Amino acid sequence: PKSNGGGKVPLIVVLHGAGLNDGDVWSLADPRGEHAGLIPSLLASGKAPQELKEGFAVLAPYSKGKRSFYEEPRSRMIKFVEWALSDAGRQAGCPVVDSSRVFLFGFSDGATV
């Protein structure tokens, strides 16, 4: 993603809805999968608006093997976001994010977390 000149981009945290969640994390990017239409699948299929592709970092936790994020402690999800914003996250390939512009997007069950 492109930054606004300061080198940092806003972050969208995407929480998927309930489902089987029995694939791997890449199933979130499958435009024909159970989470089709969410930001990861739009980016992977080239259907995302240019502003999204170039203006935001996207973080999409996946509740593998669990029907819902309710089966995960929320503290674990928060730690994941904190890691992505940390030096360790950047060393692992996460972009430099403006921590004052972190947005939460949830679909269906993910919106209730």
Foldseek 3Di string as FASTA:
>chain_A
DAEPPPQAAFEEEEEEAFDQLADDPCLCLPCPHPNHPDPNVCVNVVNDDPCPVHHYHYHYDGPHRGRACVVPPVVVVVVVVVCCQDPNVVVVPRGNHDVVRYHYHYDHRGVVD
